[in-house]
Amino acid sequence: MNRLRPWPFGLAAAVTFSVVYCVCALAVYLSPEATIGFFNAWFHGLDLALLKPPGGRPLTLAQFFGGLISAAAVSFVIGALLAASYNVFARRSGTV
């Protein structure tokens, strides 16, 4: 098995999660109620509708880009750590 390169793997994770983040933001923009209903099923009975801001304020561009940048940064770090830890465990088990 080949070693994973942490930086490219982290970048791939960041790009992938950024696309998912944009799709999610678009879904919330186009149909907030349906999006909340969809994600309610993922959170074991928690009512995500309680997290909506009063009056249903729309997401601002600053909030969107702040969330996008932070989500990309966190997913990059997680992807790089995942690749690095995979390499350590694979080397110890003799598969790399």
PDB file of N, CA and C in Angstrom:
ATOM      1  N   MET A   1       0.853  -1.181   0.000  1.00  0.00           N
ATOM      2  CA  MET A   1       0.000   0.000   0.000  1.00  0.00           C
ATOM      3  C   MET A   1       0.892   1.235   0.000  1.00  0.00           C
ATOM      4  N   ASN A   2       0.511   2.235  -0.754  1.00  0.00           N
ATOM      5  CA  ASN A   2       1.280   3.472  -0.817  1.00  0.00           C
ATOM      6  C   ASN A   2       1.002   4.335   0.401  1.00  0.00           C
ATOM      7  N   ARG A   3       2.002   5.150   0.724  1.00  0.00           N
ATOM      8  CA  ARG A   3       1.809   6.124   1.797  1.00  0.00           C
ATOM      9  C   ARG A   3       0.906   7.239   1.295  1.00  0.00           C
ATOM     10  N   LEU A   4       0.169   7.823   2.206  1.00  0.00           N
ATOM     11  CA  LEU A   4      -0.654   8.991   1.878  1.00  0.00           C
ATOM     12  C   LEU A   4       0.167  10.243   2.143  1.00  0.00           C
ATOM     13  N   ARG A   5       0.091  11.202   1.247  1.00  0.00           N
ATOM     14  CA  ARG A   5       0.791  12.474   1.452  1.00  0.00           C
ATOM     15  C   ARG A   5      -0.153  13.418   2.187  1.00  0.00           C
ATOM     16  N   PRO A   6       0.195  13.802   3.416  1.00  0.00           N
ATOM     17  CA  PRO A   6      -0.728  14.583   4.256  1.00  0.00           C
ATOM     18  C   PRO A   6      -1.190  15.908   3.651  1.00  0.00           C
ATOM     19  N   TRP A   7      -0.297  16.681   3.043  1.00  0.00           N
ATOM     20  CA  TRP A   7      -0.702  17.991   2.522  1.00  0.00           C
ATOM     21  C   TRP A   7      -1.711  17.867   1.379  1.00  0.00           C
ATOM     22  N   PRO A   8      -1.445  17.049   0.346  1.00  0.00           N
ATOM     23  CA  PRO A   8      -2.469  16.906  -0.703  1.00  0.00           C
ATOM     24  C   PRO A   8      -3.762  16.274  -0.187  1.00  0.00           C
ATOM     25  N   PHE A   9      -3.643  15.324   0.741  1.00  0.00           N
ATOM     26  CA  PHE A   9      -4.844  14.704   1.299  1.00  0.00           C
ATOM     27  C   PHE A   9      -5.655  15.735   2.079  1.00  0.00           C
ATOM     28  N   GLY A  10      -4.967  16.573   2.853  1.00  0.00           N
ATOM     29  CA  GLY A  10      -5.648  17.643   3.589  1.00  0.00           C
ATOM     30  C   GLY A  10      -6.312  18.637   2.657  1.00  0.00           C
ATOM     31  N   LEU A  11      -5.631  18.974   1.563  1.00  0.00           N
ATOM     32  CA  LEU A  11      -6.207  19.893   0.588  1.00  0.00           C
ATOM     33  C   LEU A  11      -7.446  19.283  -0.068  1.00  0.00           C
ATOM     34  N   ALA A  12      -7.373  17.995  -0.402  1.00  0.00           N
ATOM     35  CA  ALA A  12      -8.539  17.320  -0.985  1.00  0.00           C
ATOM     36  C   ALA A  12      -9.715  17.321  -0.012  1.00  0.00           C
ATOM     37  N   ALA A  13      -9.437  17.097   1.269  1.00  0.00           N
ATOM     38  CA  ALA A  13     -10.500  17.128   2.273  1.00  0.00           C
ATOM     39  C   ALA A  13     -11.100  18.530   2.374  1.00  0.00           C
ATOM     40  N   ALA A  14     -10.239  19.555   2.345  1.00  0.00           N
ATOM     41  CA  ALA A  14     -10.719  20.934   2.456  1.00  0.00           C
ATOM     42  C   ALA A  14     -11.586  21.314   1.258  1.00  0.00           C
ATOM     43  N   VAL A  15     -11.164  20.947   0.063  1.00  0.00           N
ATOM     44  CA  VAL A  15     -11.940  21.273  -1.136  1.00  0.00           C
ATOM     45  C   VAL A  15     -13.271  20.521  -1.124  1.00  0.00           C
ATOM     46  N   THR A  16     -13.212  19.243  -0.779  1.00  0.00           N
ATOM     47  CA  THR A  16     -14.434  18.433  -0.739  1.00  0.00           C
ATOM     48  C   THR A  16     -15.429  19.004   0.267  1.00  0.00           C
ATOM     49  N   PHE A  17     -14.959  19.297   1.474  1.00  0.00           N
ATOM     50  CA  PHE A  17     -15.873  19.814   2.495  1.00  0.00           C
ATOM     51  C   PHE A  17     -16.371  21.208   2.142  1.00  0.00           C
ATOM     52  N   SER A  18     -15.552  22.006   1.454  1.00  0.00           N
ATOM     53  CA  SER A  18     -15.989  23.334   1.038  1.00  0.00           C
ATOM     54  C   SER A  18     -17.144  23.243   0.037  1.00  0.00           C
ATOM     55  N   VAL A  19     -17.071  22.283  -0.868  1.00  0.00           N
ATOM     56  CA  VAL A  19     -18.164  22.079  -1.825  1.00  0.00           C
ATOM     57  C   VAL A  19     -19.428  21.654  -1.082  1.00  0.00           C
ATOM     58  N   VAL A  20     -19.280  20.726  -0.132  1.00  0.00           N
ATOM     59  CA  VAL A  20     -20.438  20.279   0.653  1.00  0.00           C
ATOM     60  C   VAL A  20     -21.024  21.452   1.437  1.00  0.00           C
ATOM     61  N   TYR A  21     -20.171  22.287   2.015  1.00  0.00           N
ATOM     62  CA  TYR A  21     -20.615  23.462   2.767  1.00  0.00           C
ATOM     63  C   TYR A  21     -21.428  24.397   1.857  1.00  0.00           C
ATOM     64  N   CYS A  22     -20.952  24.634   0.639  1.00  0.00           N
ATOM     65  CA  CYS A  22     -21.663  25.516  -0.291  1.00  0.00           C
ATOM     66  C   CYS A  22     -23.015  24.936  -0.693  1.00  0.00           C
ATOM     67  N   VAL A  23     -23.056  23.626  -0.926  1.00  0.00           N
ATOM     68  CA  VAL A  23     -24.326  22.973  -1.272  1.00  0.00           C
ATOM     69  C   VAL A  23     -25.305  23.089  -0.106  1.00  0.00           C
ATOM     70  N   CYS A  24     -24.819  22.891   1.105  1.00  0.00           N
ATOM     71  CA  CYS A  24     -25.672  22.997   2.285  1.00  0.00           C
ATOM     72  C   CYS A  24     -26.193  24.432   2.449  1.00  0.00           C
ATOM     73  N   ALA A  25     -25.303  25.415   2.278  1.00  0.00           N
ATOM     74  CA  ALA A  25     -25.722  26.818   2.402  1.00  0.00           C
ATOM     75  C   ALA A  25     -26.777  27.159   1.343  1.00  0.00           C
ATOM     76  N   LEU A  26     -26.603  26.635   0.139  1.00  0.00           N
ATOM     77  CA  LEU A  26     -27.592  26.869  -0.913  1.00  0.00           C
ATOM     78  C   LEU A  26     -28.928  26.226  -0.551  1.00  0.00           C
ATOM     79  N   ALA A  27     -28.881  25.021   0.010  1.00  0.00           N
ATOM     80  CA  ALA A  27     -30.121  24.344   0.423  1.00  0.00           C
ATOM     81  C   ALA A  27     -30.839  25.143   1.506  1.00  0.00           C
ATOM     82  N   VAL A  28     -30.084  25.675   2.461  1.00  0.00           N
ATOM     83  CA  VAL A  28     -30.687  26.480   3.529  1.00  0.00           C
ATOM     84  C   VAL A  28     -31.287  27.757   2.944  1.00  0.00           C
ATOM     85  N   TYR A  29     -30.603  28.349   1.981  1.00  0.00           N
ATOM     86  CA  TYR A  29     -31.091  29.571   1.358  1.00  0.00           C
ATOM     87  C   TYR A  29     -32.389  29.315   0.568  1.00  0.00           C
ATOM     88  N   LEU A  30     -32.396  28.211  -0.199  1.00  0.00           N
ATOM     89  CA  LEU A  30     -33.552  27.927  -1.060  1.00  0.00           C
ATOM     90  C   LEU A  30     -34.744  27.355  -0.303  1.00  0.00           C
ATOM     91  N   SER A  31     -34.466  26.518   0.689  1.00  0.00           N
ATOM     92  CA  SER A  31     -35.561  25.857   1.403  1.00  0.00           C
ATOM     93  C   SER A  31     -35.150  25.562   2.851  1.00  0.00           C
ATOM     94  N   PRO A  32     -35.173  26.590   3.694  1.00  0.00           N
ATOM     95  CA  PRO A  32     -34.693  26.399   5.065  1.00  0.00           C
ATOM     96  C   PRO A  32     -35.472  25.341   5.851  1.00  0.00           C
ATOM     97  N   GLU A  33     -36.778  25.321   5.705  1.00  0.00           N
ATOM     98  CA  GLU A  33     -37.586  24.365   6.471  1.00  0.00           C
ATOM     99  C   GLU A  33     -37.274  22.925   6.071  1.00  0.00           C
ATOM    100  N   ALA A  34     -37.192  22.678   4.768  1.00  0.00           N
ATOM    101  CA  ALA A  34     -36.898  21.325   4.293  1.00  0.00           C
ATOM    102  C   ALA A  34     -35.497  20.894   4.701  1.00  0.00           C
ATOM    103  N   THR A  35     -34.546  21.821   4.673  1.00  0.00           N
ATOM    104  CA  THR A  35     -33.172  21.492   5.058  1.00  0.00           C
ATOM    105  C   THR A  35     -33.105  21.151   6.542  1.00  0.00           C
ATOM    106  N   ILE A  36     -33.784  21.925   7.363  1.00  0.00           N
ATOM    107  CA  ILE A  36     -33.818  21.630   8.798  1.00  0.00           C
ATOM    108  C   ILE A  36     -34.487  20.277   9.037  1.00  0.00           C
ATOM    109  N   GLY A  37     -35.568  20.011   8.333  1.00  0.00           N
ATOM    110  CA  GLY A  37     -36.240  18.716   8.464  1.00  0.00           C
ATOM    111  C   GLY A  37     -35.336  17.563   8.083  1.00  0.00           C
ATOM    112  N   PHE A  38     -34.580  17.731   7.008  1.00  0.00           N
ATOM    113  CA  PHE A  38     -33.637  16.697   6.563  1.00  0.00           C
ATOM    114  C   PHE A  38     -32.587  16.420   7.632  1.00  0.00           C
ATOM    115  N   PHE A  39     -31.972  17.476   8.175  1.00  0.00           N
ATOM    116  CA  PHE A  39     -30.899  17.285   9.154  1.00  0.00           C
ATOM    117  C   PHE A  39     -31.414  16.898  10.538  1.00  0.00           C
ATOM    118  N   ASN A  40     -32.666  17.164  10.839  1.00  0.00           N
ATOM    119  CA  ASN A  40     -33.236  16.702  12.112  1.00  0.00           C
ATOM    120  C   ASN A  40     -33.106  15.192  12.246  1.00  0.00           C
ATOM    121  N   ALA A  41     -33.265  14.479  11.140  1.00  0.00           N
ATOM    122  CA  ALA A  41     -33.169  13.013  11.172  1.00  0.00           C
ATOM    123  C   ALA A  41     -31.764  12.540  11.535  1.00  0.00           C
ATOM    124  N   TRP A  42     -30.754  13.356  11.310  1.00  0.00           N
ATOM    125  CA  TRP A  42     -29.369  12.971  11.600  1.00  0.00           C
ATOM    126  C   TRP A  42     -28.998  13.182  13.061  1.00  0.00           C
ATOM    127  N   PHE A  43     -29.761  13.974  13.783  1.00  0.00           N
ATOM    128  CA  PHE A  43     -29.360  14.375  15.127  1.00  0.00           C
ATOM    129  C   PHE A  43     -30.210  13.765  16.230  1.00  0.00           C
ATOM    130  N   HIS A  44     -30.690  12.569  16.019  1.00  0.00           N
ATOM    131  CA  HIS A  44     -31.310  11.733  17.049  1.00  0.00           C
ATOM    132  C   HIS A  44     -32.399  12.441  17.845  1.00  0.00           C
ATOM    133  N   GLY A  45     -33.270  13.145  17.142  1.00  0.00           N
ATOM    134  CA  GLY A  45     -34.400  13.750  17.819  1.00  0.00           C
ATOM    135  C   GLY A  45     -34.199  15.180  18.280  1.00  0.00           C
ATOM    136  N   LEU A  46     -32.993  15.734  18.139  1.00  0.00           N
ATOM    137  CA  LEU A  46     -32.812  17.146  18.484  1.00  0.00           C
ATOM    138  C   LEU A  46     -33.587  18.003  17.490  1.00  0.00           C
ATOM    139  N   ASP A  47     -34.219  19.049  17.981  1.00  0.00           N
ATOM    140  CA  ASP A  47     -34.995  19.927  17.118  1.00  0.00           C
ATOM    141  C   ASP A  47     -34.116  21.091  16.663  1.00  0.00           C
ATOM    142  N   LEU A  48     -33.579  20.980  15.462  1.00  0.00           N
ATOM    143  CA  LEU A  48     -32.695  22.021  14.942  1.00  0.00           C
ATOM    144  C   LEU A  48     -33.444  23.310  14.613  1.00  0.00           C
ATOM    145  N   ALA A  49     -34.764  23.242  14.507  1.00  0.00           N
ATOM    146  CA  ALA A  49     -35.543  24.451  14.239  1.00  0.00           C
ATOM    147  C   ALA A  49     -35.363  25.471  15.361  1.00  0.00           C
ATOM    148  N   LEU A  50     -35.024  25.002  16.549  1.00  0.00           N
ATOM    149  CA  LEU A  50     -34.804  25.914  17.677  1.00  0.00           C
ATOM    150  C   LEU A  50     -33.555  26.772  17.477  1.00  0.00           C
ATOM    151  N   LEU A  51     -32.693  26.389  16.558  1.00  0.00           N
ATOM    152  CA  LEU A  51     -31.465  27.139  16.306  1.00  0.00           C
ATOM    153  C   LEU A  51     -31.644  28.265  15.291  1.00  0.00           C
ATOM    154  N   LYS A  52     -32.822  28.325  14.660  1.00  0.00           N
ATOM    155  CA  LYS A  52     -33.075  29.390  13.694  1.00  0.00           C
ATOM    156  C   LYS A  52     -33.096  30.735  14.415  1.00  0.00           C
ATOM    157  N   PRO A  53     -32.483  31.763  13.792  1.00  0.00           N
ATOM    158  CA  PRO A  53     -32.508  33.085  14.426  1.00  0.00           C
ATOM    159  C   PRO A  53     -33.913  33.663  14.428  1.00  0.00           C
ATOM    160  N   PRO A  54     -34.214  34.538  15.383  1.00  0.00           N
ATOM    161  CA  PRO A  54     -35.540  35.157  15.452  1.00  0.00           C
ATOM    162  C   PRO A  54     -35.864  35.883  14.147  1.00  0.00           C
ATOM    163  N   GLY A  55     -37.058  35.683  13.669  1.00  0.00           N
ATOM    164  CA  GLY A  55     -37.482  36.351  12.442  1.00  0.00           C
ATOM    165  C   GLY A  55     -36.942  35.691  11.189  1.00  0.00           C
ATOM    166  N   GLY A  56     -36.201  34.594  11.325  1.00  0.00           N
ATOM    167  CA  GLY A  56     -35.671  33.898  10.158  1.00  0.00           C
ATOM    168  C   GLY A  56     -34.649  34.694   9.382  1.00  0.00           C
ATOM    169  N   ARG A  57     -33.819  35.459  10.099  1.00  0.00           N
ATOM    170  CA  ARG A  57     -32.787  36.263   9.437  1.00  0.00           C
ATOM    171  C   ARG A  57     -31.994  35.411   8.451  1.00  0.00           C
ATOM    172  N   PRO A  58     -31.752  35.910   7.244  1.00  0.00           N
ATOM    173  CA  PRO A  58     -30.969  35.143   6.282  1.00  0.00           C
ATOM    174  C   PRO A  58     -29.475  35.171   6.636  1.00  0.00           C
ATOM    175  N   LEU A  59     -28.765  34.203   6.124  1.00  0.00           N
ATOM    176  CA  LEU A  59     -27.324  34.124   6.301  1.00  0.00           C
ATOM    177  C   LEU A  59     -26.672  35.280   5.558  1.00  0.00           C
ATOM    178  N   THR A  60     -25.798  36.009   6.217  1.00  0.00           N
ATOM    179  CA  THR A  60     -25.106  37.117   5.561  1.00  0.00           C
ATOM    180  C   THR A  60     -23.885  36.578   4.810  1.00  0.00           C
ATOM    181  N   LEU A  61     -23.369  37.370   3.885  1.00  0.00           N
ATOM    182  CA  LEU A  61     -22.158  36.967   3.159  1.00  0.00           C
ATOM    183  C   LEU A  61     -20.978  36.814   4.099  1.00  0.00           C
ATOM    184  N   ALA A  62     -20.879  37.675   5.094  1.00  0.00           N
ATOM    185  CA  ALA A  62     -19.788  37.571   6.058  1.00  0.00           C
ATOM    186  C   ALA A  62     -19.870  36.253   6.828  1.00  0.00           C
ATOM    187  N   GLN A  63     -21.066  35.878   7.236  1.00  0.00           N
ATOM    188  CA  GLN A  63     -21.241  34.597   7.931  1.00  0.00           C
ATOM    189  C   GLN A  63     -20.911  33.431   7.011  1.00  0.00           C
ATOM    190  N   PHE A  64     -21.371  33.519   5.755  1.00  0.00           N
ATOM    191  CA  PHE A  64     -21.107  32.450   4.786  1.00  0.00           C
ATOM    192  C   PHE A  64     -19.604  32.260   4.599  1.00  0.00           C
ATOM    193  N   PHE A  65     -18.895  33.345   4.305  1.00  0.00           N
ATOM    194  CA  PHE A  65     -17.459  33.218   4.042  1.00  0.00           C
ATOM    195  C   PHE A  65     -16.668  32.873   5.305  1.00  0.00           C
ATOM    196  N   GLY A  66     -17.098  33.389   6.449  1.00  0.00           N
ATOM    197  CA  GLY A  66     -16.446  32.996   7.699  1.00  0.00           C
ATOM    198  C   GLY A  66     -16.596  31.508   7.964  1.00  0.00           C
ATOM    199  N   GLY A  67     -17.804  30.994   7.737  1.00  0.00           N
ATOM    200  CA  GLY A  67     -18.037  29.559   7.906  1.00  0.00           C
ATOM    201  C   GLY A  67     -17.281  28.735   6.883  1.00  0.00           C
ATOM    202  N   LEU A  68     -17.247  29.203   5.644  1.00  0.00           N
ATOM    203  CA  LEU A  68     -16.543  28.483   4.580  1.00  0.00           C
ATOM    204  C   LEU A  68     -15.049  28.394   4.875  1.00  0.00           C
ATOM    205  N   ILE A  69     -14.456  29.510   5.261  1.00  0.00           N
ATOM    206  CA  ILE A  69     -13.016  29.531   5.548  1.00  0.00           C
ATOM    207  C   ILE A  69     -12.686  28.658   6.753  1.00  0.00           C
ATOM    208  N   SER A  70     -13.479  28.770   7.815  1.00  0.00           N
ATOM    209  CA  SER A  70     -13.187  27.960   9.000  1.00  0.00           C
ATOM    210  C   SER A  70     -13.435  26.483   8.742  1.00  0.00           C
ATOM    211  N   ALA A  71     -14.470  26.152   7.977  1.00  0.00           N
ATOM    212  CA  ALA A  71     -14.738  24.747   7.658  1.00  0.00           C
ATOM    213  C   ALA A  71     -13.625  24.172   6.786  1.00  0.00           C
ATOM    214  N   ALA A  72     -13.140  24.955   5.833  1.00  0.00           N
ATOM    215  CA  ALA A  72     -12.040  24.493   4.977  1.00  0.00           C
ATOM    216  C   ALA A  72     -10.766  24.291   5.791  1.00  0.00           C
ATOM    217  N   ALA A  73     -10.483  25.218   6.696  1.00  0.00           N
ATOM    218  CA  ALA A  73      -9.270  25.106   7.510  1.00  0.00           C
ATOM    219  C   ALA A  73      -9.328  23.889   8.425  1.00  0.00           C
ATOM    220  N   VAL A  74     -10.452  23.702   9.080  1.00  0.00           N
ATOM    221  CA  VAL A  74     -10.588  22.556   9.993  1.00  0.00           C
ATOM    222  C   VAL A  74     -10.532  21.239   9.217  1.00  0.00           C
ATOM    223  N   SER A  75     -11.193  21.174   8.071  1.00  0.00           N
ATOM    224  CA  SER A  75     -11.176  19.924   7.308  1.00  0.00           C
ATOM    225  C   SER A  75      -9.792  19.663   6.709  1.00  0.00           C
ATOM    226  N   PHE A  76      -9.034  20.711   6.385  1.00  0.00           N
ATOM    227  CA  PHE A  76      -7.651  20.517   5.931  1.00  0.00           C
ATOM    228  C   PHE A  76      -6.814  19.882   7.037  1.00  0.00           C
ATOM    229  N   VAL A  77      -6.915  20.422   8.234  1.00  0.00           N
ATOM    230  CA  VAL A  77      -6.145  19.883   9.362  1.00  0.00           C
ATOM    231  C   VAL A  77      -6.554  18.436   9.641  1.00  0.00           C
ATOM    232  N   ILE A  78      -7.842  18.171   9.647  1.00  0.00           N
ATOM    233  CA  ILE A  78      -8.318  16.806   9.900  1.00  0.00           C
ATOM    234  C   ILE A  78      -7.822  15.856   8.804  1.00  0.00           C
ATOM    235  N   GLY A  79      -7.899  16.266   7.547  1.00  0.00           N
ATOM    236  CA  GLY A  79      -7.424  15.427   6.450  1.00  0.00           C
ATOM    237  C   GLY A  79      -5.936  15.152   6.537  1.00  0.00           C
ATOM    238  N   ALA A  80      -5.146  16.183   6.845  1.00  0.00           N
ATOM    239  CA  ALA A  80      -3.702  16.000   6.968  1.00  0.00           C
ATOM    240  C   ALA A  80      -3.362  15.085   8.143  1.00  0.00           C
ATOM    241  N   LEU A  81      -4.049  15.270   9.264  1.00  0.00           N
ATOM    242  CA  LEU A  81      -3.821  14.395  10.424  1.00  0.00           C
ATOM    243  C   LEU A  81      -4.243  12.957  10.138  1.00  0.00           C
ATOM    244  N   LEU A  82      -5.341  12.806   9.408  1.00  0.00           N
ATOM    245  CA  LEU A  82      -5.797  11.462   9.040  1.00  0.00           C
ATOM    246  C   LEU A  82      -4.749  10.754   8.188  1.00  0.00           C
ATOM    247  N   ALA A  83      -4.227  11.444   7.176  1.00  0.00           N
ATOM    248  CA  ALA A  83      -3.211  10.840   6.312  1.00  0.00           C
ATOM    249  C   ALA A  83      -1.940  10.517   7.096  1.00  0.00           C
ATOM    250  N   ALA A  84      -1.508  11.444   7.954  1.00  0.00           N
ATOM    251  CA  ALA A  84      -0.293  11.207   8.732  1.00  0.00           C
ATOM    252  C   ALA A  84      -0.469  10.047   9.699  1.00  0.00           C
ATOM    253  N   SER A  85      -1.602   9.993  10.373  1.00  0.00           N
ATOM    254  CA  SER A  85      -1.818   8.894  11.321  1.00  0.00           C
ATOM    255  C   SER A  85      -1.983   7.565  10.588  1.00  0.00           C
ATOM    256  N   TYR A  86      -2.599   7.592   9.408  1.00  0.00           N
ATOM    257  CA  TYR A  86      -2.690   6.376   8.596  1.00  0.00           C
ATOM    258  C   TYR A  86      -1.289   5.855   8.282  1.00  0.00           C
ATOM    259  N   ASN A  87      -0.392   6.758   7.879  1.00  0.00           N
ATOM    260  CA  ASN A  87       0.969   6.346   7.551  1.00  0.00           C
ATOM    261  C   ASN A  87       1.679   5.734   8.746  1.00  0.00           C
ATOM    262  N   VAL A  88       1.488   6.306   9.919  1.00  0.00           N
ATOM    263  CA  VAL A  88       2.114   5.763  11.131  1.00  0.00           C
ATOM    264  C   VAL A  88       1.597   4.358  11.415  1.00  0.00           C
ATOM    265  N   PHE A  89       0.290   4.178  11.405  1.00  0.00           N
ATOM    266  CA  PHE A  89      -0.283   2.869  11.718  1.00  0.00           C
ATOM    267  C   PHE A  89       0.013   1.837  10.636  1.00  0.00           C
ATOM    268  N   ALA A  90       0.013   2.267   9.381  1.00  0.00           N
ATOM    269  CA  ALA A  90       0.314   1.338   8.291  1.00  0.00           C
ATOM    270  C   ALA A  90       1.778   0.901   8.359  1.00  0.00           C
ATOM    271  N   ARG A  91       2.674   1.813   8.714  1.00  0.00           N
ATOM    272  CA  ARG A  91       4.095   1.480   8.834  1.00  0.00           C
ATOM    273  C   ARG A  91       4.311   0.493   9.978  1.00  0.00           C
ATOM    274  N   ARG A  92       3.622   0.713  11.101  1.00  0.00           N
ATOM    275  CA  ARG A  92       3.759  -0.186  12.256  1.00  0.00           C
ATOM    276  C   ARG A  92       3.216  -1.578  11.973  1.00  0.00           C
ATOM    277  N   SER A  93       2.196  -1.648  11.116  1.00  0.00           N
ATOM    278  CA  SER A  93       1.625  -2.962  10.814  1.00  0.00           C
ATOM    279  C   SER A  93       2.339  -3.630   9.641  1.00  0.00           C
ATOM    280  N   GLY A  94       3.259  -2.892   9.017  1.00  0.00           N
ATOM    281  CA  GLY A  94       4.043  -3.462   7.936  1.00  0.00           C
ATOM    282  C   GLY A  94       3.381  -3.432   6.582  1.00  0.00           C
ATOM    283  N   THR A  95       2.332  -2.644   6.414  1.00  0.00           N
ATOM    284  CA  THR A  95       1.654  -2.591   5.121  1.00  0.00           C
ATOM    285  C   THR A  95       2.176  -1.475   4.230  1.00  0.00           C
ATOM    286  N   VAL A  96       3.025  -0.584   4.768  1.00  0.00           N
ATOM    287  CA  VAL A  96       3.603   0.487   3.946  1.00  0.00           C
ATOM    288  C   VAL A  96       5.098   0.311   3.922  1.00  0.00           C
TER     289      VAL A  96
END
